[in-house]
Amino acid sequence: MLSTTVIRTRTAAHVIRATKLYGSGDTAVRALNEVTVEFPSEAFTAIMGPSGSGKSTLMHCAAGLDTLTSGQAFIGEVELGSLSDKQLTLLRRERIGFVFQAFNLVPTLTALENITLPLALAGRRPDPDWLAGVIETVGVGDRLSHRPPELSGGQQQRVAIARALASRPQIVFADEPTGNLDSRAGAEILKFMSHAVTALGQTIVMVTHDPIAAGYADAAVFLGDGRIVSTVEDPTPEKVLDHLKALGS
């Protein structure tokens, strides 16, 4: 049976009948089971579910970091399975931003150099107006000359978010972006991400296990056993917690 969730009509990314198997034969694990879901443009979507539900696998396959066993994944109108490795690398560089729990900053570079590094590697110059807006949005303007060891965890994650936004990607995927932060720093980061959507028209898809984090999103998609079981529009921490309890999380 096809598990289908359509959040809105305008989409930045979507998957159709997405299935992902790890291993083979009797020991194969079905991490995704014919999932179809759309991620709307200019919106903040949270992906949630118990451990092992498939939420990180869904994000990785939708972002082209992993390949589907069957089904299709699209960024805009581009089907990722039709691309060569080189084309996929180029698409990820030019149209997708990534934010990870571990920040992944280069410790010997300044904050500004870290922010513009992906553009430099691509041989592109940043749009000065866009870059200035991103830096203002995430609030790191007074830390641009500092290197990561001189920044707090929250400041490092702000730099990582600015790096993800600097190339003006079509969509940003964030994997537990507040997982290494205390509650205050985490709340600041989530506010910045929400503001990036409303002020900059960005699209963000975030994997999280935290009901409070999901409360900042426009919608929360819940997975269970590799299938989408429900979607909550305008989630609150209380609504999210109730859904997680029903899933046995």
Protein backbone atom coordinates (compact mmCIF):
# COMPACT_ATOMS: atom_id res chain seq x y z
CA MET A 1 0.00 0.00 0.00
CA LEU A 2 1.36 3.45 -0.98
CA SER A 3 2.00 5.89 1.85
CA THR A 4 1.22 9.35 0.51
CA THR A 5 1.46 12.78 2.09
CA VAL A 6 1.17 16.01 0.11
CA ILE A 7 1.82 19.11 2.20
CA ARG A 8 1.38 21.93 -0.33
CA THR A 9 1.35 22.38 -4.08
CA ARG A 10 4.59 24.31 -4.73
CA THR A 11 7.46 21.98 -3.95
CA ALA A 12 11.21 22.37 -3.64
CA ALA A 13 11.77 18.61 -3.37
CA HIS A 14 9.71 15.45 -3.39
CA VAL A 15 10.01 11.67 -3.46
CA ILE A 16 7.69 9.17 -5.15
CA ARG A 17 7.31 5.59 -3.91
CA ALA A 18 10.69 5.93 -2.23
CA THR A 19 11.99 2.58 -1.00
CA LYS A 20 15.37 1.98 0.63
CA LEU A 21 16.70 -1.44 1.60
CA TYR A 22 19.88 -2.11 3.54
CA GLY A 23 21.32 -5.59 3.17
CA SER A 24 19.73 -8.39 1.17
CA GLY A 25 17.72 -11.56 1.53
CA ASP A 26 16.13 -12.47 4.85
CA THR A 27 18.32 -9.99 6.72
CA ALA A 28 17.39 -6.97 4.57
CA VAL A 29 16.14 -3.92 6.47
CA ARG A 30 13.46 -1.80 4.75
CA ALA A 31 14.30 1.70 5.97
CA LEU A 32 11.80 3.36 3.62
CA ASN A 33 8.68 1.64 2.34
CA GLU A 34 7.14 3.28 -0.76
CA VAL A 35 7.03 6.79 0.71
CA THR A 36 5.65 9.66 -1.34
CA VAL A 37 5.99 13.14 0.15
CA GLU A 38 6.42 16.72 -1.03
CA PHE A 39 8.41 19.45 0.70
CA PRO A 40 6.91 22.88 -0.04
CA SER A 41 8.91 25.86 -1.22
CA GLU A 42 9.51 28.75 1.17
CA ALA A 43 8.45 26.67 4.17
CA PHE A 44 10.02 24.98 7.19
CA THR A 45 9.23 21.25 7.42
CA ALA A 46 10.24 18.94 10.26
CA ILE A 47 10.70 15.19 9.77
CA MET A 48 10.05 13.23 12.95
CA GLY A 49 9.62 9.70 14.23
CA PRO A 50 11.01 7.12 16.64
CA SER A 51 14.57 5.86 16.32
CA GLY A 52 14.76 3.61 13.28
CA SER A 53 11.63 5.07 11.70
CA GLY A 54 13.48 6.14 8.55
CA LYS A 55 13.55 9.90 9.05
CA SER A 56 17.29 10.37 8.44
CA THR A 57 17.19 7.93 5.52
CA LEU A 58 14.37 9.94 3.96
CA MET A 59 16.35 13.16 4.27
CA HIS A 60 19.54 11.62 2.91
CA CYS A 61 17.76 10.12 -0.11
CA ALA A 62 15.76 13.31 -0.79
CA ALA A 63 19.00 15.32 -0.66
CA GLY A 64 20.96 12.99 -2.92
CA LEU A 65 23.35 11.91 -0.17
CA ASP A 66 22.11 8.32 -0.54
CA THR A 67 20.42 6.44 -3.36
CA LEU A 68 17.01 4.81 -3.36
CA THR A 69 16.59 1.09 -3.92
CA SER A 70 13.48 1.95 -5.93
CA GLY A 71 11.29 4.98 -6.48
CA GLN A 72 12.27 8.52 -7.42
CA ALA A 73 13.66 11.60 -5.68
CA PHE A 74 13.43 15.10 -7.17
CA ILE A 75 15.00 18.47 -6.42
CA GLY A 76 12.63 20.80 -8.22
CA GLU A 77 11.96 19.05 -11.52
CA VAL A 78 15.29 17.21 -11.59
CA GLU A 79 15.13 13.46 -10.90
CA LEU A 80 18.24 12.56 -8.93
CA GLY A 81 18.44 8.98 -10.19
CA SER A 82 18.93 10.22 -13.75
CA LEU A 83 22.12 12.11 -12.88
CA SER A 84 25.71 10.96 -13.13
CA ASP A 85 27.91 11.21 -10.04
CA LYS A 86 29.44 14.41 -11.40
CA GLN A 87 26.05 15.93 -12.18
CA LEU A 88 24.73 14.97 -8.74
CA THR A 89 27.75 16.54 -7.04
CA LEU A 90 27.20 19.74 -9.04
CA LEU A 91 23.50 19.83 -8.19
CA ARG A 92 24.18 19.38 -4.46
CA ARG A 93 26.77 22.16 -4.61
CA GLU A 94 24.61 24.63 -6.50
CA ARG A 95 21.04 23.91 -5.38
CA ILE A 96 21.20 22.32 -1.93
CA GLY A 97 22.46 23.55 1.43
CA PHE A 98 23.33 21.24 4.32
CA VAL A 99 23.43 21.82 8.08
CA PHE A 100 24.67 19.02 10.32
CA GLN A 101 24.75 18.42 14.05
CA ALA A 102 28.57 18.49 14.09
CA PHE A 103 28.86 21.95 12.38
CA ASN A 104 31.61 20.66 9.99
CA LEU A 105 33.51 23.96 9.92
CA VAL A 106 37.17 24.23 8.88
CA PRO A 107 38.99 25.24 12.09
CA THR A 108 41.79 27.17 10.35
CA LEU A 109 39.42 29.43 8.40
CA THR A 110 37.60 32.48 9.68
CA ALA A 111 33.83 32.50 9.99
CA LEU A 112 33.52 34.49 6.77
CA GLU A 113 35.88 32.12 4.93
CA ASN A 114 33.84 29.16 6.16
CA ILE A 115 30.62 30.80 5.01
CA THR A 116 31.93 31.45 1.51
CA LEU A 117 33.97 28.23 1.18
CA PRO A 118 31.43 26.27 -0.93
CA LEU A 119 31.16 29.18 -3.35
CA ALA A 120 34.94 29.46 -3.54
CA LEU A 121 35.25 25.74 -4.27
CA ALA A 122 32.69 26.15 -7.04
CA GLY A 123 34.59 29.11 -8.50
CA ARG A 124 31.68 31.46 -7.82
CA ARG A 125 31.55 34.85 -6.19
CA PRO A 126 28.83 35.45 -3.60
CA ASP A 127 26.04 37.90 -4.32
CA PRO A 128 27.07 40.69 -1.91
CA ASP A 129 23.53 41.80 -1.09
CA TRP A 130 22.34 38.23 -0.47
CA LEU A 131 25.41 37.38 1.61
CA ALA A 132 24.96 40.50 3.73
CA GLY A 133 21.31 39.59 4.29
CA VAL A 134 22.22 36.04 5.31
CA ILE A 135 24.89 37.22 7.74
CA GLU A 136 22.46 39.72 9.27
CA THR A 137 19.72 37.10 9.50
CA VAL A 138 21.84 34.57 11.40
CA GLY A 139 23.50 37.26 13.51
CA VAL A 140 27.21 36.57 13.00
CA GLY A 141 28.25 39.96 11.63
CA ASP A 142 30.46 40.69 14.64
CA ARG A 143 32.19 37.29 14.48
CA LEU A 144 33.30 37.12 10.84
CA SER A 145 37.02 37.38 11.60
CA HIS A 146 36.90 34.72 14.34
CA ARG A 147 37.88 31.09 13.74
CA PRO A 148 35.63 28.22 14.94
CA PRO A 149 37.68 27.50 18.14
CA GLU A 150 37.01 31.11 19.15
CA LEU A 151 33.24 30.72 18.79
CA SER A 152 30.62 29.13 21.03
CA GLY A 153 28.67 26.11 19.81
CA GLY A 154 25.69 28.27 18.99
CA GLN A 155 27.83 30.73 17.06
CA GLN A 156 29.46 27.89 15.12
CA GLN A 157 26.05 26.56 14.13
CA ARG A 158 25.00 30.04 13.01
CA VAL A 159 28.08 30.11 10.78
CA ALA A 160 27.16 26.65 9.46
CA ILE A 161 23.65 27.86 8.65
CA ALA A 162 25.03 30.97 6.94
CA ARG A 163 27.31 28.70 4.87
CA ALA A 164 24.30 26.61 3.84
CA LEU A 165 22.36 29.73 2.82
CA ALA A 166 25.21 31.66 1.17
CA SER A 167 24.81 30.07 -2.26
CA ARG A 168 21.06 30.82 -2.22
CA PRO A 169 20.14 27.14 -2.52
CA GLN A 170 16.78 25.88 -3.62
CA ILE A 171 16.46 23.91 -0.38
CA VAL A 172 18.38 23.41 2.87
CA PHE A 173 18.43 20.02 4.62
CA ALA A 174 19.27 20.11 8.33
CA ASP A 175 20.04 16.93 10.28
CA GLU A 176 19.50 17.44 14.04
CA PRO A 177 20.98 20.96 13.80
CA THR A 178 20.51 21.70 17.51
CA GLY A 179 21.59 18.28 18.79
CA ASN A 180 24.94 19.52 20.13
CA LEU A 181 23.60 22.74 21.64
CA ASP A 182 22.12 23.67 24.99
CA SER A 183 18.46 24.66 25.07
CA ARG A 184 19.10 28.41 24.88
CA ALA A 185 21.51 28.19 21.94
CA GLY A 186 19.22 25.66 20.26
CA ALA A 187 16.25 28.01 20.54
CA GLU A 188 18.28 30.82 18.99
CA ILE A 189 19.28 28.63 16.05
CA LEU A 190 15.69 27.53 15.44
CA LYS A 191 14.51 31.14 15.50
CA PHE A 192 17.19 32.02 12.95
CA MET A 193 16.13 29.13 10.72
CA SER A 194 12.50 30.15 10.94
CA HIS A 195 13.45 33.74 10.17
CA ALA A 196 15.45 32.60 7.13
CA VAL A 197 12.24 31.10 5.76
CA THR A 198 10.06 34.15 6.41
CA ALA A 199 12.64 36.88 5.67
CA LEU A 200 14.71 35.28 2.90
CA GLY A 201 12.15 32.96 1.32
CA GLN A 202 14.31 29.94 2.11
CA THR A 203 13.09 26.33 2.14
CA ILE A 204 14.25 24.19 5.06
CA VAL A 205 13.69 20.49 5.80
CA MET A 206 14.87 19.45 9.26
CA VAL A 207 15.22 16.02 10.83
CA THR A 208 14.72 16.24 14.58
CA HIS A 209 13.64 14.13 17.54
CA ASP A 210 12.82 17.21 19.65
CA PRO A 211 9.14 18.29 19.94
CA ILE A 212 10.24 21.82 20.86
CA ALA A 213 12.36 22.08 17.70
CA ALA A 214 9.49 20.80 15.56
CA GLY A 215 7.28 23.51 17.06
CA TYR A 216 9.22 26.09 15.03
CA ALA A 217 8.28 24.41 11.74
CA ASP A 218 5.31 25.09 9.47
CA ALA A 219 4.54 21.37 9.28
CA ALA A 220 5.79 18.14 10.82
CA VAL A 221 5.86 14.84 8.92
CA PHE A 222 5.86 11.71 11.10
CA LEU A 223 7.40 8.41 10.05
CA GLY A 224 6.92 4.98 11.55
CA ASP A 225 8.50 1.76 10.26
CA GLY A 226 9.59 3.43 7.05
CA ARG A 227 6.18 4.89 6.22
CA ILE A 228 4.63 8.31 6.67
CA VAL A 229 1.88 7.92 9.22
CA SER A 230 0.69 11.51 9.67
CA THR A 231 1.34 15.18 8.99
CA VAL A 232 0.65 18.05 11.39
CA GLU A 233 0.27 21.59 10.09
CA ASP A 234 1.32 24.43 12.42
CA PRO A 235 2.74 22.00 14.98
CA THR A 236 3.13 22.83 18.63
CA PRO A 237 5.39 20.92 21.03
CA GLU A 238 2.27 19.47 22.65
CA LYS A 239 0.82 18.22 19.35
CA VAL A 240 4.16 16.75 18.34
CA LEU A 241 4.63 15.00 21.68
CA ASP A 242 1.17 13.45 21.41
CA HIS A 243 2.01 12.09 17.95
CA LEU A 244 5.34 10.72 19.12
CA LYS A 245 3.67 9.00 22.08
CA ALA A 246 1.17 7.40 19.69
CA LEU A 247 4.10 6.08 17.65
CA GLY A 248 5.72 4.61 20.71
CA SER A 249 8.69 6.99 20.64
